[in-house]
């Protein structure tokens, strides 16, 4: 029994309350504190401190909790620490024993409202230690049950909880569980980004376009979906977050775990990916996207300030290299230029090959635009696409990647986990052998009409899109040295169609013509 007084004075009590999460149940924080106060009043104890830990597991050491830390900081003025039950102090036997020893050094003891704790005798301490051991067993049993439940949910492709990735939403299924489904507005934004990147737009330009368009960032979009009012400055799209999302196979409807380099696809017993929802893009779009990001050597960086329309289109014939965009401002007026290497580097000018080419960017872009629309504006615009064929190389490459990923984690596994991964490896190897045995027929490139004229495609394109259109049509603008100082001279600019290989030009011209003739025939034209 703990005495009511010490040296004629009432014992000083600290009340401690803990919950993994606060609620209105019988063990809520408010209920724990009320019960402890009533217990202390009944015994004549003076309550000098009340400490709470909400959302804190009983497996965490008491000294590492914020609330219990307040008690330890004031321990010299406390005789007894009171809780509703022993497991509020700890659910780990070793942690509880260490706590008792710590309090002993300050001549402080523990007590519980339910009368389970009696630390005044060796037998009492033994009984309390057994009780904590049972609490630890209960905690570990709950953890195992939750883990088994999560494994079953993963295997069934069910959503485990948390916010849905951008482009998806969480919906109930027929079994009372939750799955992912396509969120049409967000998915449309994301598909447009993916299409534009696959067409050749840079990710930096896409981040800039999204921010300039006022499209809600993923965080703000989720707030709007929850009905929250968006006040103050809007959150921005960021390069890093969008890049990581485009790299995640959740876009294929797969369950993934981990982040960045640690991200892995969760797999079924046969090694195939667990599907947690429909694919936002198909497999071909996914592979093209990954190949494009790889080819661009993407790294996390800030978006460029300005897309360049004539990069690799405007050339210096003397340096035999492309002109580069340079942002300039003179007396508050934009004076952006396209310049060659000799204009930027004195060494190249000293070599005598080129005196240096600089030309007004706005006027050069307008000159190229005028030439393009005058020459090709009314022509139907065609795109080169790969059609037909039965090429298993992409599927084979993906299976080989699956096998390499599973083989990499195998050495660190033991027991049931090792057996499961071995089964997945065997199943993936069988699938690889089947794919390798499939007959292969090569696809072919074809020029396909888009239903737009060149002028319409140009009018609907942004700066990056216009550059891609010029490159696809092999437009080149050669800029000669100036003879009139800084005054604009359109005679310096020679615009035309350029092919490095004449045979390539002839074949492309034939293919484009055949595509247009076929389209006109389908439309009912008479020849």
Protein backbone atom coordinates (compact mmCIF):
# COMPACT_ATOMS: atom_id res chain seq x y z
CA UNK A 1 0.00 0.00 0.00
CA UNK A 2 1.15 3.52 -0.76
CA UNK A 3 0.80 5.78 2.32
CA UNK A 4 -1.55 8.77 2.11
CA UNK A 5 0.98 11.08 3.72
CA UNK A 6 4.70 11.51 4.03
CA UNK A 7 6.19 13.38 7.00
CA UNK A 8 2.69 14.67 7.83
CA UNK A 9 2.16 16.16 4.36
CA UNK A 10 -0.14 14.78 1.64
CA UNK A 11 1.64 12.91 -1.17
CA UNK A 12 2.22 14.91 -4.33
CA UNK A 13 0.71 13.11 -7.32
CA UNK A 14 1.21 13.48 -11.06
CA UNK A 15 -1.61 12.14 -13.24
CA UNK A 16 -0.57 10.52 -16.53
CA UNK A 17 -3.01 9.79 -19.38
CA UNK A 18 -2.13 8.12 -22.69
CA UNK A 19 -4.05 7.01 -25.78
CA UNK A 20 -2.93 5.84 -29.18
CA UNK A 21 -5.73 8.11 -30.44
CA UNK A 22 -8.27 10.24 -28.58
CA UNK A 23 -12.00 9.40 -28.82
CA UNK A 24 -15.19 9.48 -26.79
CA UNK A 25 -14.93 5.90 -25.54
CA UNK A 26 -14.67 4.88 -21.87
CA UNK A 27 -10.88 5.09 -21.98
CA UNK A 28 -10.72 8.58 -23.49
CA UNK A 29 -8.22 11.10 -22.14
CA UNK A 30 -10.98 12.98 -20.31
CA UNK A 31 -12.23 9.77 -18.67
CA UNK A 32 -8.72 8.71 -17.62
CA UNK A 33 -8.01 12.06 -16.02
CA UNK A 34 -11.39 12.19 -14.21
CA UNK A 35 -10.91 8.68 -12.79
CA UNK A 36 -7.36 9.48 -11.64
CA UNK A 37 -8.43 12.73 -9.96
CA UNK A 38 -11.24 10.95 -8.11
CA UNK A 39 -8.78 8.26 -6.98
CA UNK A 40 -6.30 10.87 -5.71
CA UNK A 41 -9.03 12.86 -3.90
CA UNK A 42 -10.25 9.71 -2.19
CA UNK A 43 -6.76 9.13 -0.76
CA UNK A 44 -6.04 12.76 0.03
CA UNK A 45 -3.24 13.13 -2.55
CA UNK A 46 -2.36 16.59 -3.87
CA UNK A 47 -2.44 16.64 -7.69
CA UNK A 48 0.48 18.84 -8.73
CA UNK A 49 0.76 17.92 -12.43
CA UNK A 50 -1.35 16.38 -15.19
CA UNK A 51 0.34 15.16 -18.41
CA UNK A 52 -1.23 13.77 -21.58
CA UNK A 53 0.21 11.79 -24.51
CA UNK A 54 -2.31 11.54 -27.35
CA UNK A 55 -1.59 9.50 -30.45
CA UNK A 56 1.38 7.82 -28.75
CA UNK A 57 1.86 4.06 -28.79
CA UNK A 58 2.50 2.12 -25.60
CA UNK A 59 5.54 0.58 -27.32
CA UNK A 60 7.43 3.92 -27.15
CA UNK A 61 9.69 4.40 -24.14
CA UNK A 62 8.03 6.64 -21.53
CA UNK A 63 11.05 8.97 -21.41
CA UNK A 64 10.73 9.53 -25.18
CA UNK A 65 7.13 10.77 -24.92
CA UNK A 66 6.46 14.49 -24.70
CA UNK A 67 3.82 14.23 -21.97
CA UNK A 68 5.69 11.82 -19.71
CA UNK A 69 8.81 13.90 -20.25
CA UNK A 70 7.09 16.74 -18.36
CA UNK A 71 6.64 14.42 -15.39
CA UNK A 72 10.30 13.37 -15.44
CA UNK A 73 11.35 17.03 -15.66
CA UNK A 74 9.41 17.76 -12.43
CA UNK A 75 10.16 14.44 -10.75
CA UNK A 76 11.83 16.02 -7.67
CA UNK A 77 8.45 17.42 -6.61
CA UNK A 78 6.43 14.21 -7.25
CA UNK A 79 5.89 11.27 -4.89
CA UNK A 80 3.61 9.10 -6.99
CA UNK A 81 2.64 8.91 -10.69
CA UNK A 82 -0.96 7.81 -11.18
CA UNK A 83 -2.54 6.30 -14.31
CA UNK A 84 -5.86 4.61 -14.99
CA UNK A 85 -4.17 1.24 -15.64
CA UNK A 86 -0.65 -0.21 -15.76
CA UNK A 87 -0.59 -0.46 -19.57
CA UNK A 88 -0.92 3.36 -19.78
CA UNK A 89 2.70 3.51 -18.56
CA UNK A 90 4.04 0.96 -21.03
CA UNK A 91 3.20 -2.16 -23.03
CA UNK A 92 6.81 -3.35 -23.17
CA UNK A 93 8.20 -5.32 -20.23
CA UNK A 94 11.74 -3.98 -20.53
CA UNK A 95 10.57 -0.37 -20.79
CA UNK A 96 8.36 -0.75 -17.71
CA UNK A 97 11.15 -2.29 -15.62
CA UNK A 98 13.54 0.50 -16.62
CA UNK A 99 10.90 3.12 -15.70
CA UNK A 100 10.41 1.63 -12.23
CA UNK A 101 14.18 1.68 -11.63
CA UNK A 102 14.41 5.30 -12.79
CA UNK A 103 11.61 6.42 -10.47
CA UNK A 104 13.13 4.48 -7.56
CA UNK A 105 16.24 6.66 -7.72
CA UNK A 106 14.00 9.67 -6.98
CA UNK A 107 11.95 7.85 -4.30
CA UNK A 108 8.92 8.08 -6.59
CA UNK A 109 6.52 5.21 -7.23
CA UNK A 110 3.72 4.28 -9.64
CA UNK A 111 0.06 3.64 -8.92
CA UNK A 112 -2.99 2.78 -11.01
CA UNK A 113 -6.68 3.51 -10.49
CA UNK A 114 -7.69 -0.11 -11.08
CA UNK A 115 -5.51 -1.27 -8.15
CA UNK A 116 -3.30 -3.54 -10.24
CA UNK A 117 0.05 -2.04 -9.26
CA UNK A 118 1.68 -2.71 -5.89
CA UNK A 119 5.36 -1.85 -6.10
CA UNK A 120 6.04 -1.91 -2.35
CA UNK A 121 7.07 -5.61 -2.30
CA UNK A 122 9.12 -7.94 -4.55
CA UNK A 123 6.02 -10.11 -5.13
CA UNK A 124 3.95 -7.07 -6.10
CA UNK A 125 6.57 -5.97 -8.61
CA UNK A 126 6.69 -9.49 -10.06
CA UNK A 127 2.91 -9.49 -10.57
CA UNK A 128 2.98 -6.05 -12.22
CA UNK A 129 5.81 -7.16 -14.54
CA UNK A 130 3.71 -10.17 -15.61
CA UNK A 131 0.79 -7.86 -16.33
CA UNK A 132 2.99 -5.64 -18.54
CA UNK A 133 4.27 -8.75 -20.32
CA UNK A 134 0.68 -9.74 -21.12
CA UNK A 135 0.02 -6.19 -22.39
CA UNK A 136 3.07 -6.53 -24.65
CA UNK A 137 1.75 -9.87 -25.94
CA UNK A 138 -1.62 -8.27 -26.66
CA UNK A 139 0.03 -5.40 -28.56
CA UNK A 140 2.12 -7.78 -30.68
CA UNK A 141 -0.93 -9.95 -31.40
CA UNK A 142 -2.84 -6.89 -32.62
CA UNK A 143 0.11 -5.92 -34.80
CA UNK A 144 0.24 -9.40 -36.37
CA UNK A 145 -3.51 -9.30 -37.03
CA UNK A 146 -3.22 -5.89 -38.72
CA UNK A 147 -0.24 -7.13 -40.76
CA UNK A 148 -2.14 -10.22 -41.94
CA UNK A 149 -5.10 -8.04 -42.84
CA UNK A 150 -2.89 -5.73 -44.88
CA UNK A 151 -1.32 -8.67 -46.71
CA UNK A 152 -4.80 -9.94 -47.63
CA UNK A 153 -5.83 -6.46 -48.79
CA UNK A 154 -2.70 -6.16 -50.92
CA UNK A 155 -3.26 -9.55 -52.50
CA UNK A 156 -6.85 -8.59 -53.29
CA UNK A 157 -5.86 -5.27 -54.84
CA UNK A 158 -7.71 -3.27 -52.19
CA UNK A 159 -6.71 0.26 -51.16
CA UNK A 160 -5.06 0.30 -47.72
CA UNK A 161 -5.91 3.88 -46.87
CA UNK A 162 -4.56 7.39 -47.26
CA UNK A 163 -5.04 9.97 -49.99
CA UNK A 164 -5.37 8.69 -53.55
CA UNK A 165 -2.54 9.56 -55.96
CA UNK A 166 -3.26 12.51 -58.27
CA UNK A 167 -5.42 11.32 -61.16
CA UNK A 168 -7.23 8.75 -59.01
CA UNK A 169 -9.94 8.68 -56.35
CA UNK A 170 -10.87 6.16 -53.63
CA UNK A 171 -14.21 4.39 -54.18
CA UNK A 172 -16.04 1.57 -52.33
CA UNK A 173 -16.31 -1.81 -54.00
CA UNK A 174 -19.05 -4.44 -53.83
CA UNK A 175 -17.36 -6.21 -50.89
CA UNK A 176 -17.32 -3.19 -48.60
CA UNK A 177 -13.63 -2.47 -49.21
CA UNK A 178 -12.00 0.42 -51.06
CA UNK A 179 -10.25 0.58 -54.40
CA UNK A 180 -8.83 3.21 -56.71
CA UNK A 181 -10.75 4.55 -59.68
CA UNK A 182 -9.97 7.19 -62.28
CA UNK A 183 -10.68 10.79 -61.23
CA UNK A 184 -11.67 12.14 -64.65
CA UNK A 185 -10.76 15.86 -64.26
CA UNK A 186 -7.34 15.21 -62.71
CA UNK A 187 -6.67 12.28 -65.04
CA UNK A 188 -7.35 14.50 -68.07
CA UNK A 189 -4.73 16.98 -66.84
CA UNK A 190 -2.19 14.23 -66.23
CA UNK A 191 -2.84 12.47 -69.56
CA UNK A 192 -2.35 15.76 -71.38
CA UNK A 193 1.00 16.26 -69.63
CA UNK A 194 2.08 12.73 -70.54
CA UNK A 195 1.01 13.11 -74.16
CA UNK A 196 2.90 16.38 -74.52
CA UNK A 197 6.06 14.93 -72.95
CA UNK A 198 5.86 11.93 -75.29
CA UNK A 199 5.52 14.39 -78.19
CA UNK A 200 8.76 16.09 -77.17
CA UNK A 201 7.82 18.83 -74.70
CA UNK A 202 10.15 19.06 -71.72
CA UNK A 203 8.95 18.41 -68.20
CA UNK A 204 10.25 21.85 -67.19
CA UNK A 205 8.05 23.46 -69.83
CA UNK A 206 5.06 21.43 -68.63
CA UNK A 207 5.53 22.58 -65.02
CA UNK A 208 5.72 26.17 -66.24
CA UNK A 209 2.62 25.71 -68.42
CA UNK A 210 0.58 24.20 -65.58
CA UNK A 211 1.49 27.02 -63.20
CA UNK A 212 0.78 29.70 -65.81
CA UNK A 213 -2.56 28.13 -66.74
CA UNK A 214 -3.85 28.28 -63.17
CA UNK A 215 -4.44 24.51 -63.07
CA UNK A 216 -4.81 23.49 -59.42
CA UNK A 217 -1.77 21.72 -58.01
CA UNK A 218 -2.40 18.20 -56.62
CA UNK A 219 -2.51 19.50 -53.03
CA UNK A 220 -4.95 22.31 -53.80
CA UNK A 221 -7.03 19.98 -55.96
CA UNK A 222 -7.49 17.58 -53.03
CA UNK A 223 -8.52 20.50 -50.80
CA UNK A 224 -11.08 21.62 -53.37
CA UNK A 225 -12.44 18.06 -53.63
CA UNK A 226 -12.94 18.04 -49.85
CA UNK A 227 -14.85 21.30 -50.09
CA UNK A 228 -12.16 23.39 -48.40
CA UNK A 229 -11.92 27.05 -49.35
CA UNK A 230 -8.68 27.93 -51.16
CA UNK A 231 -7.48 31.16 -49.59
CA UNK A 232 -4.21 33.02 -49.95
CA UNK A 233 -1.49 32.14 -52.42
CA UNK A 234 -2.07 28.93 -54.37
CA UNK A 235 0.41 26.06 -54.14
CA UNK A 236 2.60 25.57 -57.20
CA UNK A 237 3.21 22.53 -59.35
CA UNK A 238 6.79 21.43 -58.70
CA UNK A 239 9.20 19.64 -61.01
CA UNK A 240 10.33 17.05 -58.46
CA UNK A 241 6.83 15.98 -57.35
CA UNK A 242 5.52 15.70 -60.92
CA UNK A 243 8.63 13.81 -62.03
CA UNK A 244 8.27 11.26 -59.21
CA UNK A 245 4.58 10.79 -60.01
CA UNK A 246 5.32 10.18 -63.70
CA UNK A 247 7.89 7.57 -62.67
CA UNK A 248 5.45 5.71 -60.40
CA UNK A 249 3.78 2.58 -61.74
CA UNK A 250 0.61 3.55 -59.93
CA UNK A 251 -0.20 5.20 -63.29
CA UNK A 252 -0.56 1.66 -64.63
CA UNK A 253 -2.96 0.79 -61.82
CA UNK A 254 -0.28 -1.13 -59.87
CA UNK A 255 0.18 -1.06 -56.12
CA UNK A 256 3.54 0.44 -55.20
CA UNK A 257 5.32 0.84 -51.88
CA UNK A 258 8.30 2.95 -50.86
CA UNK A 259 9.51 6.24 -52.30
CA UNK A 260 11.99 7.30 -54.96
CA UNK A 261 14.85 4.78 -55.26
CA UNK A 262 13.15 2.46 -52.74
CA UNK A 263 9.87 2.35 -54.68
CA UNK A 264 8.82 -1.20 -55.60
CA UNK A 265 5.79 -2.82 -57.22
CA UNK A 266 3.83 -5.14 -54.89
CA UNK A 267 3.52 -8.56 -56.53
CA UNK A 268 1.13 -11.51 -56.54
CA UNK A 269 2.37 -15.06 -55.81
CA UNK A 270 3.03 -15.55 -59.55
CA UNK A 271 5.21 -12.44 -59.62
CA UNK A 272 2.72 -10.31 -61.56
CA UNK A 273 1.95 -6.80 -60.22
CA UNK A 274 -0.99 -6.37 -57.85
CA UNK A 275 -3.67 -4.22 -59.49
CA UNK A 276 -5.25 -1.70 -57.15
CA UNK A 277 -7.22 0.19 -59.78
CA UNK A 278 -7.58 0.84 -63.52
CA UNK A 279 -4.61 2.07 -65.52
CA UNK A 280 -4.52 5.81 -66.18
CA UNK A 281 -2.39 5.21 -69.31
CA UNK A 282 -1.82 2.04 -71.32
CA UNK A 283 1.41 0.04 -71.35
CA UNK A 284 2.71 1.56 -74.59
CA UNK A 285 2.20 5.11 -73.31
CA UNK A 286 3.90 4.15 -70.03
CA UNK A 287 6.97 2.70 -71.76
CA UNK A 288 7.21 5.68 -74.12
CA UNK A 289 7.00 8.06 -71.17
CA UNK A 290 9.76 6.27 -69.25
CA UNK A 291 11.99 6.10 -72.33
CA UNK A 292 11.45 9.83 -72.96
CA UNK A 293 12.30 10.74 -69.37
CA UNK A 294 15.39 8.51 -69.56
CA UNK A 295 16.49 10.02 -72.87
CA UNK A 296 16.16 13.53 -71.50
CA UNK A 297 18.50 12.67 -68.65
CA UNK A 298 15.94 14.09 -66.26
CA UNK A 299 17.16 15.46 -62.97
CA UNK A 300 15.33 17.50 -60.36
CA UNK A 301 15.84 21.10 -61.38
CA UNK A 302 13.94 24.36 -61.66
CA UNK A 303 11.92 24.99 -64.83
CA UNK A 304 13.47 27.08 -67.56
CA UNK A 305 12.32 30.68 -67.72
CA UNK A 306 11.35 30.52 -71.40
CA UNK A 307 10.78 27.86 -74.02
CA UNK A 308 12.76 28.47 -77.22
CA UNK A 309 10.87 28.28 -80.53
CA UNK A 310 13.86 28.12 -82.87
CA UNK A 311 16.27 25.86 -80.97
CA UNK A 312 17.83 23.59 -83.64
CA UNK A 313 15.77 25.48 -86.26
CA UNK A 314 17.79 28.73 -86.52
CA UNK A 315 21.36 28.15 -87.73
CA UNK A 316 24.57 30.01 -88.38
CA UNK A 317 25.87 28.73 -91.74
CA UNK A 318 29.41 29.95 -91.01
CA UNK A 319 29.76 28.22 -87.63
CA UNK A 320 27.58 25.33 -88.88
CA UNK A 321 25.78 25.22 -85.55
CA UNK A 322 22.43 26.21 -84.10
CA UNK A 323 21.64 29.61 -82.65
CA UNK A 324 20.82 29.86 -78.95
CA UNK A 325 18.31 32.12 -77.23
CA UNK A 326 19.66 34.90 -75.01
CA UNK A 327 17.39 37.04 -72.82
CA UNK A 328 18.32 40.73 -72.93
CA UNK A 329 16.77 43.95 -71.65
CA UNK A 330 17.83 47.44 -72.75
CA UNK A 331 16.39 50.62 -71.19
CA UNK A 332 13.37 48.68 -69.91
CA UNK A 333 12.66 47.10 -73.30
CA UNK A 334 13.02 43.43 -74.19
CA UNK A 335 15.87 42.89 -76.65
CA UNK A 336 16.13 39.08 -76.70
CA UNK A 337 18.55 37.65 -79.25
CA UNK A 338 19.45 34.45 -81.04
CA UNK A 339 23.27 34.17 -81.15
CA UNK A 340 25.85 31.71 -82.48
CA UNK A 341 28.94 30.44 -80.69
CA UNK A 342 31.22 33.03 -82.29
CA UNK A 343 29.05 35.84 -80.91
CA UNK A 344 29.43 34.39 -77.42
CA UNK A 345 33.08 33.28 -77.51
CA UNK A 346 35.94 35.53 -78.66
CA UNK A 347 38.11 32.47 -79.39
CA UNK A 348 35.77 31.41 -82.20
CA UNK A 349 35.79 34.92 -83.69
CA UNK A 350 39.59 34.99 -83.57
CA UNK A 351 39.70 31.78 -85.60
CA UNK A 352 38.15 33.78 -88.44
CA UNK A 353 35.37 31.35 -89.39
CA UNK A 354 32.54 33.68 -88.31
CA UNK A 355 32.36 37.30 -87.14
CA UNK A 356 29.50 36.37 -84.80
CA UNK A 357 25.78 36.17 -85.59
CA UNK A 358 23.24 38.00 -83.41
CA UNK A 359 19.67 38.60 -84.49
CA UNK A 360 16.55 39.99 -82.83
CA UNK A 361 14.63 36.97 -81.48
CA UNK A 362 11.11 38.37 -81.90
CA UNK A 363 11.67 39.44 -85.51
CA UNK A 364 13.41 36.19 -86.49
CA UNK A 365 10.57 34.11 -85.03
CA UNK A 366 8.01 36.25 -86.87
CA UNK A 367 9.94 35.80 -90.15
CA UNK A 368 9.97 32.02 -89.79
CA UNK A 369 6.27 31.97 -88.88
CA UNK A 370 5.37 34.07 -91.94
CA UNK A 371 7.34 31.76 -94.24
CA UNK A 372 5.81 28.60 -92.75
CA UNK A 373 2.20 29.76 -93.01
CA UNK A 374 2.69 31.21 -96.50
CA UNK A 375 4.36 28.02 -97.76
CA UNK A 376 2.54 25.22 -95.90
CA UNK A 377 -0.34 26.86 -93.97
CA UNK A 378 -3.17 25.34 -96.05
CA UNK A 379 -1.63 21.87 -96.26
CA UNK A 380 -3.07 19.03 -94.13
CA UNK A 381 -0.78 18.26 -91.20
CA UNK A 382 0.38 14.64 -90.89
CA UNK A 383 2.16 12.83 -88.05
CA UNK A 384 4.56 9.89 -88.24
CA UNK A 385 3.33 6.99 -86.09
CA UNK A 386 4.39 3.38 -85.58
CA UNK A 387 1.62 0.90 -86.50
CA UNK A 388 1.12 -2.84 -86.70
CA UNK A 389 3.55 -5.61 -85.81
CA UNK A 390 3.83 -8.10 -82.99
CA UNK A 391 6.92 -7.00 -81.13
CA UNK A 392 7.40 -8.72 -77.76
CA UNK A 393 10.58 -6.79 -76.92
CA UNK A 394 8.82 -4.41 -74.50
CA UNK A 395 7.12 -7.28 -72.64
CA UNK A 396 10.39 -9.24 -72.57
CA UNK A 397 12.28 -6.23 -71.22
CA UNK A 398 9.66 -5.73 -68.50
CA UNK A 399 9.77 -9.39 -67.46
CA UNK A 400 13.56 -9.27 -67.33
CA UNK A 401 13.30 -6.19 -65.12
CA UNK A 402 10.85 -8.02 -62.82
CA UNK A 403 13.24 -10.95 -62.52
CA UNK A 404 16.20 -8.67 -61.74
CA UNK A 405 14.18 -6.83 -59.07
CA UNK A 406 13.07 -10.05 -57.37
CA UNK A 407 16.57 -11.56 -57.55
CA UNK A 408 18.01 -8.42 -55.91
CA UNK A 409 15.86 -8.76 -52.77
CA UNK A 410 16.20 -12.56 -52.47
CA UNK A 411 19.59 -12.74 -50.65
CA UNK A 412 18.25 -10.78 -47.66
CA UNK A 413 15.21 -13.03 -47.14
CA UNK A 414 14.68 -16.16 -45.05
CA UNK A 415 11.91 -18.65 -44.42
CA UNK A 416 8.42 -17.98 -45.80
CA UNK A 417 9.44 -14.69 -47.41
CA UNK A 418 12.25 -16.40 -49.32
CA UNK A 419 9.91 -19.19 -50.45
CA UNK A 420 7.33 -16.65 -51.70
CA UNK A 421 9.89 -14.69 -53.73
CA UNK A 422 11.34 -17.90 -55.19
CA UNK A 423 7.83 -18.77 -56.39
CA UNK A 424 7.45 -15.34 -57.96
CA UNK A 425 10.82 -15.69 -59.68
CA UNK A 426 9.91 -19.07 -61.14
CA UNK A 427 6.58 -17.77 -62.45
CA UNK A 428 8.19 -14.68 -64.02
CA UNK A 429 10.84 -16.88 -65.65
CA UNK A 430 8.15 -19.06 -67.22
CA UNK A 431 6.35 -15.98 -68.51
CA UNK A 432 9.63 -14.70 -69.98
CA UNK A 433 10.24 -17.96 -71.81
CA UNK A 434 6.71 -17.86 -73.25
CA UNK A 435 7.22 -14.26 -74.43
CA UNK A 436 10.55 -15.12 -76.03
CA UNK A 437 8.89 -17.98 -77.92
CA UNK A 438 6.29 -15.66 -79.52
CA UNK A 439 6.79 -15.00 -83.27
CA UNK A 440 7.85 -11.42 -84.01
CA UNK A 441 6.60 -9.27 -86.87
CA UNK A 442 8.09 -5.80 -87.30
CA UNK A 443 5.86 -2.68 -87.05
CA UNK A 444 6.19 0.05 -89.65
CA UNK A 445 6.20 3.83 -89.64
CA UNK A 446 3.33 5.56 -91.41
CA UNK A 447 2.31 9.16 -91.96
CA UNK A 448 -1.20 9.68 -90.61
CA UNK A 449 -3.35 12.81 -91.26
CA UNK A 450 -4.43 14.63 -88.09
CA UNK A 451 -7.49 16.38 -89.56
CA UNK A 452 -5.81 19.78 -89.08
CA UNK A 453 -4.01 22.06 -91.48
CA UNK A 454 -0.51 23.22 -90.68
CA UNK A 455 -1.92 26.68 -89.89
CA UNK A 456 -4.47 25.22 -87.45
CA UNK A 457 -1.83 23.11 -85.70
CA UNK A 458 0.42 26.18 -85.44
CA UNK A 459 -2.35 28.36 -84.02
CA UNK A 460 -3.21 25.78 -81.33
CA UNK A 461 0.41 25.12 -80.28
CA UNK A 462 2.38 26.81 -77.52
CA UNK A 463 6.02 27.83 -77.99
CA UNK A 464 7.39 24.33 -77.38
CA UNK A 465 4.73 22.84 -79.67
CA UNK A 466 5.62 25.24 -82.48
CA UNK A 467 9.26 24.23 -82.20
CA UNK A 468 8.31 20.56 -82.49
CA UNK A 469 6.16 21.30 -85.54
CA UNK A 470 9.06 23.11 -87.24
CA UNK A 471 11.42 20.25 -86.47
CA UNK A 472 8.97 17.62 -87.73
CA UNK A 473 8.75 19.51 -91.05
CA UNK A 474 12.56 19.89 -91.22
CA UNK A 475 12.35 23.68 -91.37
CA UNK A 476 15.69 25.48 -91.11
CA UNK A 477 16.39 29.22 -90.95
CA UNK A 478 19.96 30.24 -91.87
CA UNK A 479 20.99 33.68 -90.62
CA UNK A 480 23.82 35.53 -92.40
CA UNK A 481 26.06 38.20 -90.81
CA UNK A 482 24.61 41.69 -90.66
CA UNK A 483 25.53 44.41 -93.17
CA UNK A 484 23.30 47.09 -91.63
CA UNK A 485 24.44 47.16 -88.03
CA UNK A 486 21.67 46.59 -85.49
CA UNK A 487 18.90 47.46 -87.92
CA UNK A 488 16.59 44.55 -88.75
CA UNK A 489 17.29 43.16 -92.20
CA UNK A 490 14.99 40.31 -93.37
CA UNK A 491 17.39 39.67 -96.27
CA UNK A 492 19.76 38.06 -93.74
CA UNK A 493 17.29 35.22 -93.15
CA UNK A 494 16.95 32.28 -95.53
CA UNK A 495 14.17 29.85 -94.57
CA UNK A 496 13.63 26.48 -96.22
CA UNK A 497 13.30 22.72 -95.74
CA UNK A 498 16.55 20.98 -94.92
CA UNK A 499 17.44 17.26 -94.98
CA UNK A 500 20.89 15.92 -94.21
CA UNK A 501 20.09 12.87 -96.35
CA UNK A 502 18.42 13.53 -99.77
CA UNK A 503 17.16 9.94 -99.93
CA UNK A 504 15.39 10.43 -96.60
CA UNK A 505 13.71 13.55 -97.98
CA UNK A 506 12.44 11.69 -101.05
CA UNK A 507 11.06 8.77 -99.04
CA UNK A 508 9.35 11.06 -96.54
CA UNK A 509 7.76 13.09 -99.31
CA UNK A 510 6.36 9.97 -100.97
CA UNK A 511 5.00 8.64 -97.68
CA UNK A 512 3.34 11.94 -96.77
CA UNK A 513 1.76 12.18 -100.23
CA UNK A 514 0.40 8.63 -100.04
CA UNK A 515 -1.12 9.35 -96.62
CA UNK A 516 -2.86 12.48 -97.89
CA UNK A 517 -4.18 10.77 -101.03
CA UNK A 518 -5.56 7.92 -98.94
CA UNK A 519 -7.25 10.36 -96.58
CA UNK A 520 -8.83 12.30 -99.43
CA UNK A 521 -10.14 9.09 -100.96
CA UNK A 522 -11.68 8.06 -97.66
CA UNK A 523 -13.33 11.49 -97.52
CA UNK A 524 -14.92 10.88 -100.92
CA UNK A 525 -12.67 13.06 -103.13
CA UNK A 526 -12.75 12.48 -106.92
CA UNK A 527 -9.58 12.00 -108.93
